[in-house]
PDB file of N, CA and C in Angstrom:
ATOM      1  N   MET A   1     124.072 114.809  81.967  1.00  0.00           N
ATOM      2  CA  MET A   1     123.012 114.277  82.787  1.00  0.00           C
ATOM      3  C   MET A   1     123.600 113.196  83.687  1.00  0.00           C
ATOM      4  N   SER A   2     123.234 113.242  84.950  1.00  0.00           N
ATOM      5  CA  SER A   2     123.688 112.247  85.909  1.00  0.00           C
ATOM      6  C   SER A   2     123.025 110.911  85.634  1.00  0.00           C
ATOM      7  N   ARG A   3     123.759 109.833  85.839  1.00  0.00           N
ATOM      8  CA  ARG A   3     123.146 108.522  85.620  1.00  0.00           C
ATOM      9  C   ARG A   3     122.116 108.199  86.689  1.00  0.00           C
ATOM     10  N   TYR A   4     122.033 109.027  87.729  1.00  0.00           N
ATOM     11  CA  TYR A   4     121.045 108.834  88.783  1.00  0.00           C
ATOM     12  C   TYR A   4     119.839 109.757  88.633  1.00  0.00           C
ATOM     13  N   SER A   5     119.772 110.528  87.569  1.00  0.00           N
ATOM     14  CA  SER A   5     118.697 111.505  87.416  1.00  0.00           C
ATOM     15  C   SER A   5     117.314 110.867  87.317  1.00  0.00           C
ATOM     16  N   GLN A   6     117.227 109.637  86.832  1.00  0.00           N
ATOM     17  CA  GLN A   6     115.945 108.952  86.699  1.00  0.00           C
ATOM     18  C   GLN A   6     115.652 108.020  87.878  1.00  0.00           C
ATOM     19  N   THR A   7     116.550 107.985  88.875  1.00  0.00           N
ATOM     20  CA  THR A   7     116.413 107.077  90.001  1.00  0.00           C
ATOM     21  C   THR A   7     115.532 107.697  91.084  1.00  0.00           C
ATOM     22  N   THR A   8     114.646 106.909  91.637  1.00  0.00           N
ATOM     23  CA  THR A   8     113.755 107.360  92.698  1.00  0.00           C
ATOM     24  C   THR A   8     114.553 107.607  93.977  1.00  0.00           C
ATOM     25  N   ILE A   9     114.266 108.712  94.643  1.00  0.00           N
ATOM     26  CA  ILE A   9     114.913 109.036  95.911  1.00  0.00           C
ATOM     27  C   ILE A   9     113.894 108.844  97.026  1.00  0.00           C
ATOM     28  N   LEU A  10     114.288 108.077  98.038  1.00  0.00           N
ATOM     29  CA  LEU A  10     113.422 107.812  99.184  1.00  0.00           C
ATOM     30  C   LEU A  10     113.927 108.605 100.375  1.00  0.00           C
ATOM     31  N   LYS A  11     113.029 109.076 101.212  1.00  0.00           N
ATOM     32  CA  LYS A  11     113.414 109.796 102.422  1.00  0.00           C
ATOM     33  C   LYS A  11     112.839 109.052 103.623  1.00  0.00           C
ATOM     34  N   SER A  12     113.713 108.715 104.570  1.00  0.00           N
ATOM     35  CA  SER A  12     113.302 107.990 105.761  1.00  0.00           C
ATOM     36  C   SER A  12     112.609 108.938 106.740  1.00  0.00           C
ATOM     37  N   VAL A  13     111.513 108.481 107.316  1.00  0.00           N
ATOM     38  CA  VAL A  13     110.778 109.288 108.291  1.00  0.00           C
ATOM     39  C   VAL A  13     111.579 109.405 109.589  1.00  0.00           C
ATOM     40  N   GLN A  14     112.280 108.335 109.967  1.00  0.00           N
ATOM     41  CA  GLN A  14     112.989 108.322 111.241  1.00  0.00           C
ATOM     42  C   GLN A  14     114.178 109.285 111.263  1.00  0.00           C
ATOM     43  N   ASP A  15     115.018 109.253 110.242  1.00  0.00           N
ATOM     44  CA  ASP A  15     116.234 110.063 110.298  1.00  0.00           C
ATOM     45  C   ASP A  15     116.342 111.120 109.189  1.00  0.00           C
ATOM     46  N   GLN A  16     115.337 111.218 108.325  1.00  0.00           N
ATOM     47  CA  GLN A  16     115.283 112.214 107.254  1.00  0.00           C
ATOM     48  C   GLN A  16     116.441 112.124 106.255  1.00  0.00           C
ATOM     49  N   LYS A  17     117.113 110.983 106.199  1.00  0.00           N
ATOM     50  CA  LYS A  17     118.188 110.796 105.220  1.00  0.00           C
ATOM     51  C   LYS A  17     117.596 110.414 103.880  1.00  0.00           C
ATOM     52  N   ARG A  18     118.223 110.909 102.833  1.00  0.00           N
ATOM     53  CA  ARG A  18     117.790 110.572 101.474  1.00  0.00           C
ATOM     54  C   ARG A  18     118.566 109.354 100.997  1.00  0.00           C
ATOM     55  N   ARG A  19     117.853 108.432 100.358  1.00  0.00           N
ATOM     56  CA  ARG A  19     118.476 107.216  99.831  1.00  0.00           C
ATOM     57  C   ARG A  19     117.927 106.947  98.441  1.00  0.00           C
ATOM     58  N   TYR A  20     118.773 106.376  97.604  1.00  0.00           N
ATOM     59  CA  TYR A  20     118.324 105.962  96.274  1.00  0.00           C
ATOM     60  C   TYR A  20     117.616 104.620  96.370  1.00  0.00           C
ATOM     61  N   ALA A  21     116.525 104.484  95.662  1.00  0.00           N
ATOM     62  CA  ALA A  21     115.816 103.200  95.606  1.00  0.00           C
ATOM     63  C   ALA A  21     116.642 102.228  94.765  1.00  0.00           C
ATOM     64  N   ASN A  22     116.556 100.950  95.094  1.00  0.00           N
ATOM     65  CA  ASN A  22     117.262  99.941  94.313  1.00  0.00           C
ATOM     66  C   ASN A  22     116.680  99.847  92.913  1.00  0.00           C
ATOM     67  N   VAL A  23     117.545  99.713  91.944  1.00  0.00           N
ATOM     68  CA  VAL A  23     117.116  99.558  90.558  1.00  0.00           C
ATOM     69  C   VAL A  23     117.101  98.070  90.239  1.00  0.00           C
ATOM     70  N   LYS A  24     116.043  97.612  89.590  1.00  0.00           N
ATOM     71  CA  LYS A  24     115.940  96.216  89.188  1.00  0.00           C
ATOM     72  C   LYS A  24     116.151  96.147  87.682  1.00  0.00           C
ATOM     73  N   TYR A  25     117.064  95.268  87.274  1.00  0.00           N
ATOM     74  CA  TYR A  25     117.385  95.124  85.859  1.00  0.00           C
ATOM     75  C   TYR A  25     116.781  93.841  85.301  1.00  0.00           C
ATOM     76  N   PRO A  26     116.279  93.889  84.073  1.00  0.00           N
ATOM     77  CA  PRO A  26     115.722  92.675  83.463  1.00  0.00           C
ATOM     78  C   PRO A  26     116.823  91.731  82.990  1.00  0.00           C
ATOM     79  N   GLN A  27     116.446  90.486  82.758  1.00  0.00           N
ATOM     80  CA  GLN A  27     117.359  89.544  82.114  1.00  0.00           C
ATOM     81  C   GLN A  27     117.543  89.983  80.669  1.00  0.00           C
ATOM     82  N   ILE A  28     118.754  89.876  80.173  1.00  0.00           N
ATOM     83  CA  ILE A  28     119.040  90.263  78.793  1.00  0.00           C
ATOM     84  C   ILE A  28     119.179  88.968  77.986  1.00  0.00           C
ATOM     85  N   PRO A  29     118.166  88.618  77.198  1.00  0.00           N
ATOM     86  CA  PRO A  29     118.205  87.343  76.475  1.00  0.00           C
ATOM     87  C   PRO A  29     119.193  87.358  75.312  1.00  0.00           C
ATOM     88  N   LEU A  30     119.700  86.171  74.999  1.00  0.00           N
ATOM     89  CA  LEU A  30     120.551  86.025  73.815  1.00  0.00           C
ATOM     90  C   LEU A  30     119.692  86.235  72.577  1.00  0.00           C
ATOM     91  N   GLY A  31     120.283  86.874  71.583  1.00  0.00           N
ATOM     92  CA  GLY A  31     119.564  87.103  70.337  1.00  0.00           C
ATOM     93  C   GLY A  31     120.409  86.714  69.145  1.00  0.00           C
ATOM     94  N   PRO A  32     119.796  86.319  68.050  1.00  0.00           N
ATOM     95  CA  PRO A  32     120.563  85.904  66.872  1.00  0.00           C
ATOM     96  C   PRO A  32     121.317  87.051  66.212  1.00  0.00           C
ATOM     97  N   GLN A  33     120.920  88.296  66.496  1.00  0.00           N
ATOM     98  CA  GLN A  33     121.585  89.446  65.886  1.00  0.00           C
ATOM     99  C   GLN A  33     122.510  90.170  66.860  1.00  0.00           C
ATOM    100  N   ASP A  34     122.819  89.546  68.004  1.00  0.00           N
ATOM    101  CA  ASP A  34     123.749  90.148  68.953  1.00  0.00           C
ATOM    102  C   ASP A  34     125.115  90.334  68.304  1.00  0.00           C
ATOM    103  N   ILE A  35     125.830  91.334  68.772  1.00  0.00           N
ATOM    104  CA  ILE A  35     127.148  91.675  68.238  1.00  0.00           C
ATOM    105  C   ILE A  35     128.184  91.275  69.282  1.00  0.00           C
ATOM    106  N   TYR A  36     129.304  90.738  68.844  1.00  0.00           N
ATOM    107  CA  TYR A  36     130.378  90.359  69.749  1.00  0.00           C
ATOM    108  C   TYR A  36     131.628  91.156  69.403  1.00  0.00           C
ATOM    109  N   VAL A  37     132.247  91.759  70.424  1.00  0.00           N
ATOM    110  CA  VAL A  37     133.453  92.561  70.219  1.00  0.00           C
ATOM    111  C   VAL A  37     134.497  92.163  71.260  1.00  0.00           C
ATOM    112  N   TYR A  38     135.753  92.374  70.923  1.00  0.00           N
ATOM    113  CA  TYR A  38     136.842  92.218  71.886  1.00  0.00           C
ATOM    114  C   TYR A  38     137.212  93.596  72.394  1.00  0.00           C
ATOM    115  N   THR A  39     137.348  93.720  73.704  1.00  0.00           N
ATOM    116  CA  THR A  39     137.621  95.018  74.293  1.00  0.00           C
ATOM    117  C   THR A  39     139.083  95.401  74.144  1.00  0.00           C
ATOM    118  N   THR A  40     139.303  96.697  74.085  1.00  0.00           N
ATOM    119  CA  THR A  40     140.649  97.248  74.000  1.00  0.00           C
ATOM    120  C   THR A  40     140.813  98.313  75.082  1.00  0.00           C
ATOM    121  N   GLN A  41     142.012  98.814  75.203  1.00  0.00           N
ATOM    122  CA  GLN A  41     142.310  99.870  76.177  1.00  0.00           C
ATOM    123  C   GLN A  41     141.361 101.056  75.964  1.00  0.00           C
ATOM    124  N   GLY A  42     140.748 101.538  77.029  1.00  0.00           N
ATOM    125  CA  GLY A  42     139.878 102.703  76.952  1.00  0.00           C
ATOM    126  C   GLY A  42     138.413 102.393  76.745  1.00  0.00           C
ATOM    127  N   ASP A  43     138.059 101.136  76.493  1.00  0.00           N
ATOM    128  CA  ASP A  43     136.648 100.790  76.342  1.00  0.00           C
ATOM    129  C   ASP A  43     135.940 100.905  77.686  1.00  0.00           C
ATOM    130  N   ARG A  44     134.758 101.482  77.647  1.00  0.00           N
ATOM    131  CA  ARG A  44     133.880 101.570  78.813  1.00  0.00           C
ATOM    132  C   ARG A  44     132.480 101.238  78.337  1.00  0.00           C
ATOM    133  N   TYR A  45     131.635 100.795  79.260  1.00  0.00           N
ATOM    134  CA  TYR A  45     130.282 100.420  78.883  1.00  0.00           C
ATOM    135  C   TYR A  45     129.498 101.597  78.316  1.00  0.00           C
ATOM    136  N   ASP A  46     129.672 102.785  78.888  1.00  0.00           N
ATOM    137  CA  ASP A  46     128.930 103.940  78.381  1.00  0.00           C
ATOM    138  C   ASP A  46     129.394 104.348  76.990  1.00  0.00           C
ATOM    139  N   VAL A  47     130.677 104.219  76.715  1.00  0.00           N
ATOM    140  CA  VAL A  47     131.201 104.545  75.385  1.00  0.00           C
ATOM    141  C   VAL A  47     130.711 103.519  74.357  1.00  0.00           C
ATOM    142  N   LEU A  48     130.697 102.258  74.739  1.00  0.00           N
ATOM    143  CA  LEU A  48     130.185 101.220  73.847  1.00  0.00           C
ATOM    144  C   LEU A  48     128.694 101.405  73.579  1.00  0.00           C
ATOM    145  N   ALA A  49     127.944 101.784  74.609  1.00  0.00           N
ATOM    146  CA  ALA A  49     126.507 102.023  74.424  1.00  0.00           C
ATOM    147  C   ALA A  49     126.273 103.209  73.489  1.00  0.00           C
ATOM    148  N   LEU A  50     127.086 104.215  73.598  1.00  0.00           N
ATOM    149  CA  LEU A  50     126.968 105.363  72.692  1.00  0.00           C
ATOM    150  C   LEU A  50     127.264 104.944  71.252  1.00  0.00           C
ATOM    151  N   ARG A  51     128.271 104.101  71.078  1.00  0.00           N
ATOM    152  CA  ARG A  51     128.645 103.656  69.731  1.00  0.00           C
ATOM    153  C   ARG A  51     127.569 102.767  69.102  1.00  0.00           C
ATOM    154  N   PHE A  52     127.034 101.829  69.871  1.00  0.00           N
ATOM    155  CA  PHE A  52     126.103 100.861  69.293  1.00  0.00           C
ATOM    156  C   PHE A  52     124.630 101.272  69.401  1.00  0.00           C
ATOM    157  N   TYR A  53     124.290 102.049  70.442  1.00  0.00           N
ATOM    158  CA  TYR A  53     122.890 102.414  70.659  1.00  0.00           C
ATOM    159  C   TYR A  53     122.624 103.910  70.494  1.00  0.00           C
ATOM    160  N   LYS A  54     123.683 104.698  70.319  1.00  0.00           N
ATOM    161  CA  LYS A  54     123.554 106.159  70.224  1.00  0.00           C
ATOM    162  C   LYS A  54     123.014 106.772  71.513  1.00  0.00           C
ATOM    163  N   ASP A  55     123.218 106.086  72.647  1.00  0.00           N
ATOM    164  CA  ASP A  55     122.752 106.568  73.946  1.00  0.00           C
ATOM    165  C   ASP A  55     123.630 105.969  75.043  1.00  0.00           C
ATOM    166  N   SER A  56     124.471 106.792  75.656  1.00  0.00           N
ATOM    167  CA  SER A  56     125.387 106.294  76.680  1.00  0.00           C
ATOM    168  C   SER A  56     124.667 105.854  77.952  1.00  0.00           C
ATOM    169  N   ASN A  57     123.433 106.306  78.170  1.00  0.00           N
ATOM    170  CA  ASN A  57     122.672 105.911  79.356  1.00  0.00           C
ATOM    171  C   ASN A  57     122.257 104.450  79.333  1.00  0.00           C
ATOM    172  N   LEU A  58     122.413 103.792  78.209  1.00  0.00           N
ATOM    173  CA  LEU A  58     122.056 102.370  78.100  1.00  0.00           C
ATOM    174  C   LEU A  58     123.244 101.448  78.388  1.00  0.00           C
ATOM    175  N   TRP A  59     124.259 101.969  79.066  1.00  0.00           N
ATOM    176  CA  TRP A  59     125.451 101.198  79.417  1.00  0.00           C
ATOM    177  C   TRP A  59     125.099  99.924  80.174  1.00  0.00           C
ATOM    178  N   TRP A  60     124.056  99.993  81.001  1.00  0.00           N
ATOM    179  CA  TRP A  60     123.699  98.870  81.863  1.00  0.00           C
ATOM    180  C   TRP A  60     123.260  97.652  81.057  1.00  0.00           C
ATOM    181  N   ILE A  61     122.765  97.843  79.848  1.00  0.00           N
ATOM    182  CA  ILE A  61     122.339  96.707  79.026  1.00  0.00           C
ATOM    183  C   ILE A  61     123.551  95.856  78.657  1.00  0.00           C
ATOM    184  N   ILE A  62     124.628  96.506  78.233  1.00  0.00           N
ATOM    185  CA  ILE A  62     125.852  95.776  77.879  1.00  0.00           C
ATOM    186  C   ILE A  62     126.466  95.158  79.129  1.00  0.00           C
ATOM    187  N   ASN A  63     126.450  95.901  80.220  1.00  0.00           N
ATOM    188  CA  ASN A  63     127.005  95.401  81.475  1.00  0.00           C
ATOM    189  C   ASN A  63     126.262  94.157  81.941  1.00  0.00           C
ATOM    190  N   ARG A  64     124.938  94.187  81.906  1.00  0.00           N
ATOM    191  CA  ARG A  64     124.121  93.059  82.361  1.00  0.00           C
ATOM    192  C   ARG A  64     124.151  91.877  81.397  1.00  0.00           C
ATOM    193  N   ALA A  65     124.445  92.121  80.152  1.00  0.00           N
ATOM    194  CA  ALA A  65     124.501  91.042  79.155  1.00  0.00           C
ATOM    195  C   ALA A  65     125.785  90.238  79.271  1.00  0.00           C
ATOM    196  N   ASN A  66     126.715  90.693  80.100  1.00  0.00           N
ATOM    197  CA  ASN A  66     128.014  90.043  80.243  1.00  0.00           C
ATOM    198  C   ASN A  66     128.286  89.740  81.715  1.00  0.00           C
ATOM    199  N   PRO A  67     127.661  88.689  82.258  1.00  0.00           N
ATOM    200  CA  PRO A  67     127.798  88.399  83.684  1.00  0.00           C
ATOM    201  C   PRO A  67     129.204  87.978  84.107  1.00  0.00           C
ATOM    202  N   ASN A  68     130.057  87.659  83.147  1.00  0.00           N
ATOM    203  CA  ASN A  68     131.430  87.283  83.478  1.00  0.00           C
ATOM    204  C   ASN A  68     132.301  88.509  83.775  1.00  0.00           C
ATOM    205  N   GLN A  69     131.759  89.709  83.611  1.00  0.00           N
ATOM    206  CA  GLN A  69     132.477  90.949  83.891  1.00  0.00           C
ATOM    207  C   GLN A  69     132.086  91.463  85.275  1.00  0.00           C
ATOM    208  N   ASP A  70     132.879  92.379  85.807  1.00  0.00           N
ATOM    209  CA  ASP A  70     132.593  93.003  87.095  1.00  0.00           C
ATOM    210  C   ASP A  70     131.444  93.994  86.912  1.00  0.00           C
ATOM    211  N   SER A  71     130.282  93.706  87.473  1.00  0.00           N
ATOM    212  CA  SER A  71     129.107  94.557  87.263  1.00  0.00           C
ATOM    213  C   SER A  71     129.216  95.893  87.998  1.00  0.00           C
ATOM    214  N   ALA A  72     130.167  96.031  88.915  1.00  0.00           N
ATOM    215  CA  ALA A  72     130.333  97.282  89.646  1.00  0.00           C
ATOM    216  C   ALA A  72     131.282  98.249  88.935  1.00  0.00           C
ATOM    217  N   SER A  73     131.849  97.841  87.827  1.00  0.00           N
ATOM    218  CA  SER A  73     132.824  98.660  87.113  1.00  0.00           C
ATOM    219  C   SER A  73     132.274  99.114  85.767  1.00  0.00           C
ATOM    220  N   LEU A  74     132.669 100.313  85.349  1.00  0.00           N
ATOM    221  CA  LEU A  74     132.321 100.794  84.007  1.00  0.00           C
ATOM    222  C   LEU A  74     133.303 100.293  82.961  1.00  0.00           C
ATOM    223  N   TYR A  75     134.381  99.647  83.410  1.00  0.00           N
ATOM    224  CA  TYR A  75     135.425  99.179  82.503  1.00  0.00           C
ATOM    225  C   TYR A  75     135.400  97.659  82.371  1.00  0.00           C
ATOM    226  N   PRO A  76     135.165  97.141  81.184  1.00  0.00           N
ATOM    227  CA  PRO A  76     135.271  95.687  81.001  1.00  0.00           C
ATOM    228  C   PRO A  76     136.740  95.263  81.007  1.00  0.00           C
ATOM    229  N   ILE A  77     136.965  93.996  81.226  1.00  0.00           N
ATOM    230  CA  ILE A  77     138.328  93.461  81.231  1.00  0.00           C
ATOM    231  C   ILE A  77     138.903  93.580  79.816  1.00  0.00           C
ATOM    232  N   ILE A  78     140.085  94.174  79.710  1.00  0.00           N
ATOM    233  CA  ILE A  78     140.730  94.383  78.405  1.00  0.00           C
ATOM    234  C   ILE A  78     141.033  93.031  77.763  1.00  0.00           C
ATOM    235  N   GLY A  79     140.688  92.901  76.488  1.00  0.00           N
ATOM    236  CA  GLY A  79     140.937  91.679  75.737  1.00  0.00           C
ATOM    237  C   GLY A  79     139.831  90.646  75.841  1.00  0.00           C
ATOM    238  N   SER A  80     138.807  90.944  76.624  1.00  0.00           N
ATOM    239  CA  SER A  80     137.710  89.985  76.759  1.00  0.00           C
ATOM    240  C   SER A  80     136.663  90.212  75.667  1.00  0.00           C
ATOM    241  N   GLN A  81     135.893  89.174  75.413  1.00  0.00           N
ATOM    242  CA  GLN A  81     134.845  89.273  74.415  1.00  0.00           C
ATOM    243  C   GLN A  81     133.555  89.717  75.109  1.00  0.00           C
ATOM    244  N   LEU A  82     132.918  90.755  74.573  1.00  0.00           N
ATOM    245  CA  LEU A  82     131.660  91.252  75.107  1.00  0.00           C
ATOM    246  C   LEU A  82     130.532  90.978  74.139  1.00  0.00           C
ATOM    247  N   ARG A  83     129.394  90.671  74.688  1.00  0.00           N
ATOM    248  CA  ARG A  83     128.181  90.541  73.878  1.00  0.00           C
ATOM    249  C   ARG A  83     127.436  91.862  73.942  1.00  0.00           C
ATOM    250  N   ILE A  84     127.163  92.435  72.784  1.00  0.00           N
ATOM    251  CA  ILE A  84     126.382  93.655  72.677  1.00  0.00           C
ATOM    252  C   ILE A  84     124.996  93.231  72.168  1.00  0.00           C
ATOM    253  N   PRO A  85     123.976  93.279  73.032  1.00  0.00           N
ATOM    254  CA  PRO A  85     122.647  92.899  72.556  1.00  0.00           C
ATOM    255  C   PRO A  85     122.234  93.746  71.354  1.00  0.00           C
ATOM    256  N   SER A  86     121.560  93.128  70.441  1.00  0.00           N
ATOM    257  CA  SER A  86     121.163  93.786  69.201  1.00  0.00           C
ATOM    258  C   SER A  86     120.339  95.046  69.473  1.00  0.00           C
ATOM    259  N   PRO A  87     120.638  96.128  68.754  1.00  0.00           N
ATOM    260  CA  PRO A  87     119.829  97.343  68.899  1.00  0.00           C
ATOM    261  C   PRO A  87     118.358  97.119  68.555  1.00  0.00           C
ATOM    262  N   TYR A  88     118.066  96.091  67.770  1.00  0.00           N
ATOM    263  CA  TYR A  88     116.682  95.807  67.384  1.00  0.00           C
ATOM    264  C   TYR A  88     115.846  95.279  68.542  1.00  0.00           C
ATOM    265  N   GLY A  89     116.495  94.785  69.592  1.00  0.00           N
ATOM    266  CA  GLY A  89     115.766  94.273  70.747  1.00  0.00           C
ATOM    267  C   GLY A  89     115.684  95.247  71.912  1.00  0.00           C
ATOM    268  N   LEU A  90     116.167  96.468  71.710  1.00  0.00           N
ATOM    269  CA  LEU A  90     116.198  97.436  72.805  1.00  0.00           C
ATOM    270  C   LEU A  90     114.817  97.780  73.355  1.00  0.00           C
ATOM    271  N   SER A  91     113.842  97.914  72.495  1.00  0.00           N
ATOM    272  CA  SER A  91     112.512  98.323  72.972  1.00  0.00           C
ATOM    273  C   SER A  91     111.940  97.300  73.952  1.00  0.00           C
ATOM    274  N   ALA A  92     112.145  96.019  73.695  1.00  0.00           N
ATOM    275  CA  ALA A  92     111.645  94.984  74.610  1.00  0.00           C
ATOM    276  C   ALA A  92     112.392  95.024  75.944  1.00  0.00           C
ATOM    277  N   ILE A  93     113.702  95.229  75.898  1.00  0.00           N
ATOM    278  CA  ILE A  93     114.500  95.307  77.123  1.00  0.00           C
ATOM    279  C   ILE A  93     114.075  96.514  77.943  1.00  0.00           C
ATOM    280  N   LEU A  94     113.899  97.658  77.298  1.00  0.00           N
ATOM    281  CA  LEU A  94     113.512  98.871  78.009  1.00  0.00           C
ATOM    282  C   LEU A  94     112.094  98.772  78.567  1.00  0.00           C
ATOM    283  N   ALA A  95     111.205  98.069  77.877  1.00  0.00           N
ATOM    284  CA  ALA A  95     109.851  97.864  78.398  1.00  0.00           C
ATOM    285  C   ALA A  95     109.885  97.003  79.658  1.00  0.00           C
ATOM    286  N   GLN A  96     110.727  95.965  79.664  1.00  0.00           N
ATOM    287  CA  GLN A  96     110.868  95.131  80.858  1.00  0.00           C
ATOM    288  C   GLN A  96     111.450  95.934  82.005  1.00  0.00           C
ATOM    289  N   TYR A  97     112.426  96.787  81.715  1.00  0.00           N
ATOM    290  CA  TYR A  97     113.038  97.650  82.735  1.00  0.00           C
ATOM    291  C   TYR A  97     111.966  98.558  83.363  1.00  0.00           C
ATOM    292  N   ASP A  98     111.144  99.160  82.520  1.00  0.00           N
ATOM    293  CA  ASP A  98     110.080 100.052  83.016  1.00  0.00           C
ATOM    294  C   ASP A  98     109.086  99.289  83.890  1.00  0.00           C
ATOM    295  N   ASN A  99     108.762  98.061  83.513  1.00  0.00           N
ATOM    296  CA  ASN A  99     107.832  97.248  84.305  1.00  0.00           C
ATOM    297  C   ASN A  99     108.408  96.888  85.671  1.00  0.00           C
ATOM    298  N   LEU A 100     109.715  96.683  85.749  1.00  0.00           N
ATOM    299  CA  LEU A 100     110.354  96.312  87.012  1.00  0.00           C
ATOM    300  C   LEU A 100     110.544  97.504  87.930  1.00  0.00           C
ATOM    301  N   ASN A 101     110.664  98.670  87.354  1.00  0.00           N
ATOM    302  CA  ASN A 101     110.940  99.860  88.171  1.00  0.00           C
ATOM    303  C   ASN A 101     109.765 100.783  88.104  1.00  0.00           C
TER     304      ASN A 101
END
């Protein structure tokens, strides 16, 4: 499944070009049950999301929870510490995401 499959597509009346609508992401709050890991060679946000959340499409949660990383990359900096928001708080994060989009 494409990571853009759930993204709204807009079509301009003037030039008939298709464009993706901007996605708005919620703030990811710190939680007492958050998990912290050090990245190694080959780690990617989608692989980490699959490991911790059983869903690779939730990569953006880990990416957004770590503002010190490059948000345009699927690869975190090797050797850096990442915060993995607790799986127990996913429903609240996803509800906020749905409200924003």
